Amino acid sequence: GDPRAAMLSGGQLSEDQIIRILDELIA
């Protein structure tokens, strides 16, 4: 599959943001 990614310049990624990426990968 195509890779998916998220990056924040400030703060931390939340579990919800990781879940969105996983859901996109699964889709």
mmCIF file of all heavy atoms, coordinates in Angstrom:
data_MODEL
# 
_entry.id   MODEL 
# 
loop_
_atom_site.group_PDB 
_atom_site.id 
_atom_site.type_symbol 
_atom_site.label_atom_id 
_atom_site.label_alt_id 
_atom_site.label_comp_id 
_atom_site.label_asym_id 
_atom_site.label_entity_id 
_atom_site.label_seq_id 
_atom_site.pdbx_PDB_ins_code 
_atom_site.Cartn_x 
_atom_site.Cartn_y 
_atom_site.Cartn_z 
_atom_site.occupancy 
_atom_site.B_iso_or_equiv 
_atom_site.pdbx_formal_charge 
_atom_site.auth_seq_id 
_atom_site.auth_comp_id 
_atom_site.auth_asym_id 
_atom_site.auth_atom_id 
_atom_site.pdbx_PDB_model_num 
ATOM 1   N N   . GLY A 1 1  ? 0.810   -1.209 0.000  1.00 0.00 ? 1  GLY A N   1 
ATOM 2   C CA  . GLY A 1 1  ? 0.000   0.000  0.000  1.00 0.00 ? 1  GLY A CA  1 
ATOM 3   C C   . GLY A 1 1  ? 0.842   1.256  0.000  1.00 0.00 ? 1  GLY A C   1 
ATOM 4   O O   . GLY A 1 1  ? 2.031   1.240  0.309  1.00 0.00 ? 1  GLY A O   1 
ATOM 5   N N   . ASP A 1 2  ? 0.203   2.349  -0.349 1.00 0.00 ? 2  ASP A N   1 
ATOM 6   C CA  . ASP A 1 2  ? 0.862   3.649  -0.307 1.00 0.00 ? 2  ASP A CA  1 
ATOM 7   C C   . ASP A 1 2  ? 1.072   4.063  1.146  1.00 0.00 ? 2  ASP A C   1 
ATOM 8   O O   . ASP A 1 2  ? 0.207   3.824  1.996  1.00 0.00 ? 2  ASP A O   1 
ATOM 9   C CB  . ASP A 1 2  ? 0.011   4.710  -1.011 1.00 0.00 ? 2  ASP A CB  1 
ATOM 10  C CG  . ASP A 1 2  ? -0.117  4.461  -2.498 1.00 0.00 ? 2  ASP A CG  1 
ATOM 11  O OD1 . ASP A 1 2  ? 0.838   3.911  -3.085 1.00 0.00 ? 2  ASP A OD1 1 
ATOM 12  O OD2 . ASP A 1 2  ? -1.166  4.812  -3.068 1.00 0.00 ? 2  ASP A OD2 1 
ATOM 13  N N   . PRO A 1 3  ? 2.190   4.711  1.431  1.00 0.00 ? 3  PRO A N   1 
ATOM 14  C CA  . PRO A 1 3  ? 2.419   5.163  2.806  1.00 0.00 ? 3  PRO A CA  1 
ATOM 15  C C   . PRO A 1 3  ? 1.522   6.334  3.177  1.00 0.00 ? 3  PRO A C   1 
ATOM 16  O O   . PRO A 1 3  ? 1.092   7.101  2.319  1.00 0.00 ? 3  PRO A O   1 
ATOM 17  C CB  . PRO A 1 3  ? 3.893   5.583  2.809  1.00 0.00 ? 3  PRO A CB  1 
ATOM 18  C CG  . PRO A 1 3  ? 4.226   5.849  1.390  1.00 0.00 ? 3  PRO A CG  1 
ATOM 19  C CD  . PRO A 1 3  ? 3.311   5.002  0.558  1.00 0.00 ? 3  PRO A CD  1 
ATOM 20  N N   . ARG A 1 4  ? 1.245   6.445  4.446  1.00 0.00 ? 4  ARG A N   1 
ATOM 21  C CA  . ARG A 1 4  ? 0.519   7.574  5.010  1.00 0.00 ? 4  ARG A CA  1 
ATOM 22  C C   . ARG A 1 4  ? 1.371   8.124  6.140  1.00 0.00 ? 4  ARG A C   1 
ATOM 23  O O   . ARG A 1 4  ? 2.063   7.375  6.829  1.00 0.00 ? 4  ARG A O   1 
ATOM 24  C CB  . ARG A 1 4  ? -0.846  7.150  5.570  1.00 0.00 ? 4  ARG A CB  1 
ATOM 25  C CG  . ARG A 1 4  ? -1.811  6.611  4.545  1.00 0.00 ? 4  ARG A CG  1 
ATOM 26  C CD  . ARG A 1 4  ? -2.320  7.725  3.636  1.00 0.00 ? 4  ARG A CD  1 
ATOM 27  N NE  . ARG A 1 4  ? -3.365  7.273  2.752  1.00 0.00 ? 4  ARG A NE  1 
ATOM 28  C CZ  . ARG A 1 4  ? -3.176  6.841  1.514  1.00 0.00 ? 4  ARG A CZ  1 
ATOM 29  N NH1 . ARG A 1 4  ? -1.971  6.778  1.013  1.00 0.00 ? 4  ARG A NH1 1 
ATOM 30  N NH2 . ARG A 1 4  ? -4.187  6.464  0.771  1.00 0.00 ? 4  ARG A NH2 1 
ATOM 31  N N   . ALA A 1 5  ? 1.284   9.431  6.348  1.00 0.00 ? 5  ALA A N   1 
ATOM 32  C CA  . ALA A 1 5  ? 2.126   10.041 7.369  1.00 0.00 ? 5  ALA A CA  1 
ATOM 33  C C   . ALA A 1 5  ? 1.449   11.257 7.985  1.00 0.00 ? 5  ALA A C   1 
ATOM 34  O O   . ALA A 1 5  ? 0.548   11.842 7.398  1.00 0.00 ? 5  ALA A O   1 
ATOM 35  C CB  . ALA A 1 5  ? 3.462   10.462 6.746  1.00 0.00 ? 5  ALA A CB  1 
ATOM 36  N N   . ALA A 1 6  ? 1.913   11.610 9.169  1.00 0.00 ? 6  ALA A N   1 
ATOM 37  C CA  . ALA A 1 6  ? 1.495   12.834 9.844  1.00 0.00 ? 6  ALA A CA  1 
ATOM 38  C C   . ALA A 1 6  ? 2.697   13.376 10.591 1.00 0.00 ? 6  ALA A C   1 
ATOM 39  O O   . ALA A 1 6  ? 3.520   12.612 11.098 1.00 0.00 ? 6  ALA A O   1 
ATOM 40  C CB  . ALA A 1 6  ? 0.351   12.560 10.810 1.00 0.00 ? 6  ALA A CB  1 
ATOM 41  N N   . MET A 1 7  ? 2.795   14.692 10.629 1.00 0.00 ? 7  MET A N   1 
ATOM 42  C CA  . MET A 1 7  ? 3.885   15.324 11.356 1.00 0.00 ? 7  MET A CA  1 
ATOM 43  C C   . MET A 1 7  ? 3.381   16.640 11.946 1.00 0.00 ? 7  MET A C   1 
ATOM 44  O O   . MET A 1 7  ? 2.651   17.373 11.290 1.00 0.00 ? 7  MET A O   1 
ATOM 45  C CB  . MET A 1 7  ? 5.061   15.604 10.427 1.00 0.00 ? 7  MET A CB  1 
ATOM 46  C CG  . MET A 1 7  ? 6.239   16.250 11.120 1.00 0.00 ? 7  MET A CG  1 
ATOM 47  S SD  . MET A 1 7  ? 7.628   16.538 10.015 1.00 0.00 ? 7  MET A SD  1 
ATOM 48  C CE  . MET A 1 7  ? 8.297   14.898 9.960  1.00 0.00 ? 7  MET A CE  1 
ATOM 49  N N   . LEU A 1 8  ? 3.759   16.890 13.162 1.00 0.00 ? 8  LEU A N   1 
ATOM 50  C CA  . LEU A 1 8  ? 3.422   18.140 13.825 1.00 0.00 ? 8  LEU A CA  1 
ATOM 51  C C   . LEU A 1 8  ? 4.695   18.905 14.119 1.00 0.00 ? 8  LEU A C   1 
ATOM 52  O O   . LEU A 1 8  ? 5.696   18.328 14.551 1.00 0.00 ? 8  LEU A O   1 
ATOM 53  C CB  . LEU A 1 8  ? 2.689   17.876 15.145 1.00 0.00 ? 8  LEU A CB  1 
ATOM 54  C CG  . LEU A 1 8  ? 1.310   17.235 15.052 1.00 0.00 ? 8  LEU A CG  1 
ATOM 55  C CD1 . LEU A 1 8  ? 0.774   16.972 16.449 1.00 0.00 ? 8  LEU A CD1 1 
ATOM 56  C CD2 . LEU A 1 8  ? 0.355   18.118 14.283 1.00 0.00 ? 8  LEU A CD2 1 
ATOM 57  N N   . SER A 1 9  ? 4.674   20.205 13.894 1.00 0.00 ? 9  SER A N   1 
ATOM 58  C CA  . SER A 1 9  ? 5.856   21.014 14.206 1.00 0.00 ? 9  SER A CA  1 
ATOM 59  C C   . SER A 1 9  ? 5.896   21.380 15.688 1.00 0.00 ? 9  SER A C   1 
ATOM 60  O O   . SER A 1 9  ? 6.942   21.662 16.233 1.00 0.00 ? 9  SER A O   1 
ATOM 61  C CB  . SER A 1 9  ? 5.891   22.277 13.347 1.00 0.00 ? 9  SER A CB  1 
ATOM 62  O OG  . SER A 1 9  ? 4.729   23.041 13.563 1.00 0.00 ? 9  SER A OG  1 
ATOM 63  N N   . GLY A 1 10 ? 4.756   21.371 16.329 1.00 0.00 ? 10 GLY A N   1 
ATOM 64  C CA  . GLY A 1 10 ? 4.674   21.622 17.763 1.00 0.00 ? 10 GLY A CA  1 
ATOM 65  C C   . GLY A 1 10 ? 3.665   20.672 18.373 1.00 0.00 ? 10 GLY A C   1 
ATOM 66  O O   . GLY A 1 10 ? 2.697   20.300 17.751 1.00 0.00 ? 10 GLY A O   1 
ATOM 67  N N   . GLY A 1 11 ? 3.895   20.243 19.547 1.00 0.00 ? 11 GLY A N   1 
ATOM 68  C CA  . GLY A 1 11 ? 2.969   19.327 20.203 1.00 0.00 ? 11 GLY A CA  1 
ATOM 69  C C   . GLY A 1 11 ? 3.246   17.884 19.822 1.00 0.00 ? 11 GLY A C   1 
ATOM 70  O O   . GLY A 1 11 ? 4.233   17.575 19.172 1.00 0.00 ? 11 GLY A O   1 
ATOM 71  N N   . GLN A 1 12 ? 2.352   17.016 20.250 1.00 0.00 ? 12 GLN A N   1 
ATOM 72  C CA  . GLN A 1 12 ? 2.516   15.591 20.012 1.00 0.00 ? 12 GLN A CA  1 
ATOM 73  C C   . GLN A 1 12 ? 1.309   15.043 19.261 1.00 0.00 ? 12 GLN A C   1 
ATOM 74  O O   . GLN A 1 12 ? 0.190   15.541 19.412 1.00 0.00 ? 12 GLN A O   1 
ATOM 75  C CB  . GLN A 1 12 ? 2.662   14.843 21.327 1.00 0.00 ? 12 GLN A CB  1 
ATOM 76  C CG  . GLN A 1 12 ? 3.928   15.204 22.064 1.00 0.00 ? 12 GLN A CG  1 
ATOM 77  C CD  . GLN A 1 12 ? 4.125   14.333 23.291 1.00 0.00 ? 12 GLN A CD  1 
ATOM 78  O OE1 . GLN A 1 12 ? 3.340   13.452 23.591 1.00 0.00 ? 12 GLN A OE1 1 
ATOM 79  N NE2 . GLN A 1 12 ? 5.199   14.584 24.012 1.00 0.00 ? 12 GLN A NE2 1 
ATOM 80  N N   . LEU A 1 13 ? 1.551   14.004 18.466 1.00 0.00 ? 13 LEU A N   1 
ATOM 81  C CA  . LEU A 1 13 ? 0.447   13.326 17.785 1.00 0.00 ? 13 LEU A CA  1 
ATOM 82  C C   . LEU A 1 13 ? -0.432  12.636 18.822 1.00 0.00 ? 13 LEU A C   1 
ATOM 83  O O   . LEU A 1 13 ? 0.073   12.016 19.756 1.00 0.00 ? 13 LEU A O   1 
ATOM 84  C CB  . LEU A 1 13 ? 0.979   12.276 16.815 1.00 0.00 ? 13 LEU A CB  1 
ATOM 85  C CG  . LEU A 1 13 ? 1.676   12.781 15.567 1.00 0.00 ? 13 LEU A CG  1 
ATOM 86  C CD1 . LEU A 1 13 ? 2.324   11.626 14.822 1.00 0.00 ? 13 LEU A CD1 1 
ATOM 87  C CD2 . LEU A 1 13 ? 0.695   13.493 14.656 1.00 0.00 ? 13 LEU A CD2 1 
ATOM 88  N N   . SER A 1 14 ? -1.717  12.724 18.636 1.00 0.00 ? 14 SER A N   1 
ATOM 89  C CA  . SER A 1 14 ? -2.642  12.049 19.540 1.00 0.00 ? 14 SER A CA  1 
ATOM 90  C C   . SER A 1 14 ? -2.954  10.655 19.005 1.00 0.00 ? 14 SER A C   1 
ATOM 91  O O   . SER A 1 14 ? -2.708  10.345 17.837 1.00 0.00 ? 14 SER A O   1 
ATOM 92  C CB  . SER A 1 14 ? -3.933  12.855 19.655 1.00 0.00 ? 14 SER A CB  1 
ATOM 93  O OG  . SER A 1 14 ? -4.646  12.801 18.431 1.00 0.00 ? 14 SER A OG  1 
ATOM 94  N N   . GLU A 1 15 ? -3.518  9.833  19.861 1.00 0.00 ? 15 GLU A N   1 
ATOM 95  C CA  . GLU A 1 15 ? -3.944  8.502  19.424 1.00 0.00 ? 15 GLU A CA  1 
ATOM 96  C C   . GLU A 1 15 ? -4.995  8.619  18.317 1.00 0.00 ? 15 GLU A C   1 
ATOM 97  O O   . GLU A 1 15 ? -5.004  7.822  17.385 1.00 0.00 ? 15 GLU A O   1 
ATOM 98  C CB  . GLU A 1 15 ? -4.495  7.694  20.596 1.00 0.00 ? 15 GLU A CB  1 
ATOM 99  C CG  . GLU A 1 15 ? -4.850  6.267  20.181 1.00 0.00 ? 15 GLU A CG  1 
ATOM 100 C CD  . GLU A 1 15 ? -5.257  5.408  21.342 1.00 0.00 ? 15 GLU A CD  1 
ATOM 101 O OE1 . GLU A 1 15 ? -4.365  4.850  22.002 1.00 0.00 ? 15 GLU A OE1 1 
ATOM 102 O OE2 . GLU A 1 15 ? -6.481  5.291  21.578 1.00 0.00 ? 15 GLU A OE2 1 
ATOM 103 N N   . ASP A 1 16 ? -5.868  9.612  18.399 1.00 0.00 ? 16 ASP A N   1 
ATOM 104 C CA  . ASP A 1 16 ? -6.873  9.816  17.353 1.00 0.00 ? 16 ASP A CA  1 
ATOM 105 C C   . ASP A 1 16 ? -6.230  10.088 15.996 1.00 0.00 ? 16 ASP A C   1 
ATOM 106 O O   . ASP A 1 16 ? -6.717  9.622  14.970 1.00 0.00 ? 16 ASP A O   1 
ATOM 107 C CB  . ASP A 1 16 ? -7.826  10.960 17.708 1.00 0.00 ? 16 ASP A CB  1 
ATOM 108 C CG  . ASP A 1 16 ? -8.804  10.597 18.804 1.00 0.00 ? 16 ASP A CG  1 
ATOM 109 O OD1 . ASP A 1 16 ? -9.003  9.386  19.067 1.00 0.00 ? 16 ASP A OD1 1 
ATOM 110 O OD2 . ASP A 1 16 ? -9.379  11.524 19.400 1.00 0.00 ? 16 ASP A OD2 1 
ATOM 111 N N   . GLN A 1 17 ? -5.137  10.830 15.985 1.00 0.00 ? 17 GLN A N   1 
ATOM 112 C CA  . GLN A 1 17 ? -4.440  11.097 14.725 1.00 0.00 ? 17 GLN A CA  1 
ATOM 113 C C   . GLN A 1 17 ? -3.815  9.819  14.167 1.00 0.00 ? 17 GLN A C   1 
ATOM 114 O O   . GLN A 1 17 ? -3.861  9.582  12.965 1.00 0.00 ? 17 GLN A O   1 
ATOM 115 C CB  . GLN A 1 17 ? -3.380  12.190 14.919 1.00 0.00 ? 17 GLN A CB  1 
ATOM 116 C CG  . GLN A 1 17 ? -4.005  13.554 15.144 1.00 0.00 ? 17 GLN A CG  1 
ATOM 117 C CD  . GLN A 1 17 ? -3.008  14.573 15.649 1.00 0.00 ? 17 GLN A CD  1 
ATOM 118 O OE1 . GLN A 1 17 ? -2.280  14.329 16.607 1.00 0.00 ? 17 GLN A OE1 1 
ATOM 119 N NE2 . GLN A 1 17 ? -2.973  15.724 14.993 1.00 0.00 ? 17 GLN A NE2 1 
ATOM 120 N N   . ILE A 1 18 ? -3.257  8.999  15.039 1.00 0.00 ? 18 ILE A N   1 
ATOM 121 C CA  . ILE A 1 18 ? -2.698  7.710  14.607 1.00 0.00 ? 18 ILE A CA  1 
ATOM 122 C C   . ILE A 1 18 ? -3.816  6.816  14.084 1.00 0.00 ? 18 ILE A C   1 
ATOM 123 O O   . ILE A 1 18 ? -3.668  6.157  13.053 1.00 0.00 ? 18 ILE A O   1 
ATOM 124 C CB  . ILE A 1 18 ? -1.941  7.019  15.760 1.00 0.00 ? 18 ILE A CB  1 
ATOM 125 C CG1 . ILE A 1 18 ? -0.803  7.891  16.279 1.00 0.00 ? 18 ILE A CG1 1 
ATOM 126 C CG2 . ILE A 1 18 ? -1.447  5.638  15.338 1.00 0.00 ? 18 ILE A CG2 1 
ATOM 127 C CD1 . ILE A 1 18 ? 0.290   8.197  15.298 1.00 0.00 ? 18 ILE A CD1 1 
ATOM 128 N N   . ILE A 1 19 ? -4.955  6.796  14.765 1.00 0.00 ? 19 ILE A N   1 
ATOM 129 C CA  . ILE A 1 19 ? -6.095  5.994  14.320 1.00 0.00 ? 19 ILE A CA  1 
ATOM 130 C C   . ILE A 1 19 ? -6.544  6.431  12.935 1.00 0.00 ? 19 ILE A C   1 
ATOM 131 O O   . ILE A 1 19 ? -6.836  5.589  12.076 1.00 0.00 ? 19 ILE A O   1 
ATOM 132 C CB  . ILE A 1 19 ? -7.253  6.068  15.344 1.00 0.00 ? 19 ILE A CB  1 
ATOM 133 C CG1 . ILE A 1 19 ? -6.889  5.256  16.585 1.00 0.00 ? 19 ILE A CG1 1 
ATOM 134 C CG2 . ILE A 1 19 ? -8.572  5.581  14.727 1.00 0.00 ? 19 ILE A CG2 1 
ATOM 135 C CD1 . ILE A 1 19 ? -7.850  5.420  17.733 1.00 0.00 ? 19 ILE A CD1 1 
ATOM 136 N N   . ARG A 1 20 ? -6.594  7.732  12.666 1.00 0.00 ? 20 ARG A N   1 
ATOM 137 C CA  . ARG A 1 20 ? -6.982  8.214  11.332 1.00 0.00 ? 20 ARG A CA  1 
ATOM 138 C C   . ARG A 1 20 ? -6.030  7.682  10.256 1.00 0.00 ? 20 ARG A C   1 
ATOM 139 O O   . ARG A 1 20 ? -6.459  7.277  9.176  1.00 0.00 ? 20 ARG A O   1 
ATOM 140 C CB  . ARG A 1 20 ? -7.047  9.735  11.296 1.00 0.00 ? 20 ARG A CB  1 
ATOM 141 C CG  . ARG A 1 20 ? -8.349  10.280 11.840 1.00 0.00 ? 20 ARG A CG  1 
ATOM 142 C CD  . ARG A 1 20 ? -8.553  11.746 11.503 1.00 0.00 ? 20 ARG A CD  1 
ATOM 143 N NE  . ARG A 1 20 ? -7.588  12.620 12.149 1.00 0.00 ? 20 ARG A NE  1 
ATOM 144 C CZ  . ARG A 1 20 ? -7.722  13.109 13.375 1.00 0.00 ? 20 ARG A CZ  1 
ATOM 145 N NH1 . ARG A 1 20 ? -8.772  12.806 14.099 1.00 0.00 ? 20 ARG A NH1 1 
ATOM 146 N NH2 . ARG A 1 20 ? -6.797  13.906 13.882 1.00 0.00 ? 20 ARG A NH2 1 
ATOM 147 N N   . ILE A 1 21 ? -4.733  7.688  10.545 1.00 0.00 ? 21 ILE A N   1 
ATOM 148 C CA  . ILE A 1 21 ? -3.766  7.156  9.581  1.00 0.00 ? 21 ILE A CA  1 
ATOM 149 C C   . ILE A 1 21 ? -3.980  5.665  9.378  1.00 0.00 ? 21 ILE A C   1 
ATOM 150 O O   . ILE A 1 21 ? -4.003  5.172  8.245  1.00 0.00 ? 21 ILE A O   1 
ATOM 151 C CB  . ILE A 1 21 ? -2.320  7.447  10.044 1.00 0.00 ? 21 ILE A CB  1 
ATOM 152 C CG1 . ILE A 1 21 ? -2.064  8.950  10.016 1.00 0.00 ? 21 ILE A CG1 1 
ATOM 153 C CG2 . ILE A 1 21 ? -1.314  6.714  9.156  1.00 0.00 ? 21 ILE A CG2 1 
ATOM 154 C CD1 . ILE A 1 21 ? -0.771  9.359  10.685 1.00 0.00 ? 21 ILE A CD1 1 
ATOM 155 N N   . LEU A 1 22 ? -4.137  4.918  10.463 1.00 0.00 ? 22 LEU A N   1 
ATOM 156 C CA  . LEU A 1 22 ? -4.378  3.477  10.344 1.00 0.00 ? 22 LEU A CA  1 
ATOM 157 C C   . LEU A 1 22 ? -5.646  3.202  9.542  1.00 0.00 ? 22 LEU A C   1 
ATOM 158 O O   . LEU A 1 22 ? -5.668  2.318  8.680  1.00 0.00 ? 22 LEU A O   1 
ATOM 159 C CB  . LEU A 1 22 ? -4.463  2.829  11.729 1.00 0.00 ? 22 LEU A CB  1 
ATOM 160 C CG  . LEU A 1 22 ? -3.184  2.839  12.559 1.00 0.00 ? 22 LEU A CG  1 
ATOM 161 C CD1 . LEU A 1 22 ? -3.457  2.278  13.952 1.00 0.00 ? 22 LEU A CD1 1 
ATOM 162 C CD2 . LEU A 1 22 ? -2.056  2.100  11.866 1.00 0.00 ? 22 LEU A CD2 1 
ATOM 163 N N   . ASP A 1 23 ? -6.694  3.969  9.805  1.00 0.00 ? 23 ASP A N   1 
ATOM 164 C CA  . ASP A 1 23 ? -7.950  3.791  9.068  1.00 0.00 ? 23 ASP A CA  1 
ATOM 165 C C   . ASP A 1 23 ? -7.767  4.066  7.577  1.00 0.00 ? 23 ASP A C   1 
ATOM 166 O O   . ASP A 1 23 ? -8.319  3.361  6.735  1.00 0.00 ? 23 ASP A O   1 
ATOM 167 C CB  . ASP A 1 23 ? -9.046  4.681  9.644  1.00 0.00 ? 23 ASP A CB  1 
ATOM 168 C CG  . ASP A 1 23 ? -9.546  4.207  11.008 1.00 0.00 ? 23 ASP A CG  1 
ATOM 169 O OD1 . ASP A 1 23 ? -9.102  3.147  11.495 1.00 0.00 ? 23 ASP A OD1 1 
ATOM 170 O OD2 . ASP A 1 23 ? -10.374 4.935  11.595 1.00 0.00 ? 23 ASP A OD2 1 
ATOM 171 N N   . GLU A 1 24 ? -6.975  5.091  7.230  1.00 0.00 ? 24 GLU A N   1 
ATOM 172 C CA  . GLU A 1 24 ? -6.692  5.378  5.819  1.00 0.00 ? 24 GLU A CA  1 
ATOM 173 C C   . GLU A 1 24 ? -5.917  4.236  5.175  1.00 0.00 ? 24 GLU A C   1 
ATOM 174 O O   . GLU A 1 24 ? -6.189  3.860  4.031  1.00 0.00 ? 24 GLU A O   1 
ATOM 175 C CB  . GLU A 1 24 ? -5.892  6.675  5.684  1.00 0.00 ? 24 GLU A CB  1 
ATOM 176 C CG  . GLU A 1 24 ? -6.681  7.932  5.985  1.00 0.00 ? 24 GLU A CG  1 
ATOM 177 C CD  . GLU A 1 24 ? -5.817  9.181  5.959  1.00 0.00 ? 24 GLU A CD  1 
ATOM 178 O OE1 . GLU A 1 24 ? -4.652  9.112  5.495  1.00 0.00 ? 24 GLU A OE1 1 
ATOM 179 O OE2 . GLU A 1 24 ? -6.310  10.232 6.399  1.00 0.00 ? 24 GLU A OE2 1 
ATOM 180 N N   . LEU A 1 25 ? -4.953  3.696  5.911  1.00 0.00 ? 25 LEU A N   1 
ATOM 181 C CA  . LEU A 1 25 ? -4.181  2.557  5.397  1.00 0.00 ? 25 LEU A CA  1 
ATOM 182 C C   . LEU A 1 25 ? -5.089  1.362  5.147  1.00 0.00 ? 25 LEU A C   1 
ATOM 183 O O   . LEU A 1 25 ? -5.014  0.703  4.107  1.00 0.00 ? 25 LEU A O   1 
ATOM 184 C CB  . LEU A 1 25 ? -3.064  2.194  6.359  1.00 0.00 ? 25 LEU A CB  1 
ATOM 185 C CG  . LEU A 1 25 ? -1.920  3.202  6.480  1.00 0.00 ? 25 LEU A CG  1 
ATOM 186 C CD1 . LEU A 1 25 ? -1.036  2.864  7.673  1.00 0.00 ? 25 LEU A CD1 1 
ATOM 187 C CD2 . LEU A 1 25 ? -1.106  3.258  5.202  1.00 0.00 ? 25 LEU A CD2 1 
ATOM 188 N N   . ILE A 1 26 ? -5.948  1.072  6.094  1.00 0.00 ? 26 ILE A N   1 
ATOM 189 C CA  . ILE A 1 26 ? -6.858  -0.079 5.984  1.00 0.00 ? 26 ILE A CA  1 
ATOM 190 C C   . ILE A 1 26 ? -7.843  0.146  4.851  1.00 0.00 ? 26 ILE A C   1 
ATOM 191 O O   . ILE A 1 26 ? -8.166  -0.785 4.100  1.00 0.00 ? 26 ILE A O   1 
ATOM 192 C CB  . ILE A 1 26 ? -7.565  -0.337 7.335  1.00 0.00 ? 26 ILE A CB  1 
ATOM 193 C CG1 . ILE A 1 26 ? -6.538  -0.815 8.352  1.00 0.00 ? 26 ILE A CG1 1 
ATOM 194 C CG2 . ILE A 1 26 ? -8.709  -1.333 7.177  1.00 0.00 ? 26 ILE A CG2 1 
ATOM 195 C CD1 . ILE A 1 26 ? -6.993  -0.776 9.790  1.00 0.00 ? 26 ILE A CD1 1 
ATOM 196 N N   . ALA A 1 27 ? -8.314  1.378  4.668  1.00 0.00 ? 27 ALA A N   1 
ATOM 197 C CA  . ALA A 1 27 ? -9.232  1.686  3.572  1.00 0.00 ? 27 ALA A CA  1 
ATOM 198 C C   . ALA A 1 27 ? -8.577  1.443  2.214  1.00 0.00 ? 27 ALA A C   1 
ATOM 199 O O   . ALA A 1 27 ? -9.274  1.169  1.230  1.00 0.00 ? 27 ALA A O   1 
ATOM 200 C CB  . ALA A 1 27 ? -9.712  3.136  3.672  1.00 0.00 ? 27 ALA A CB  1 
# 
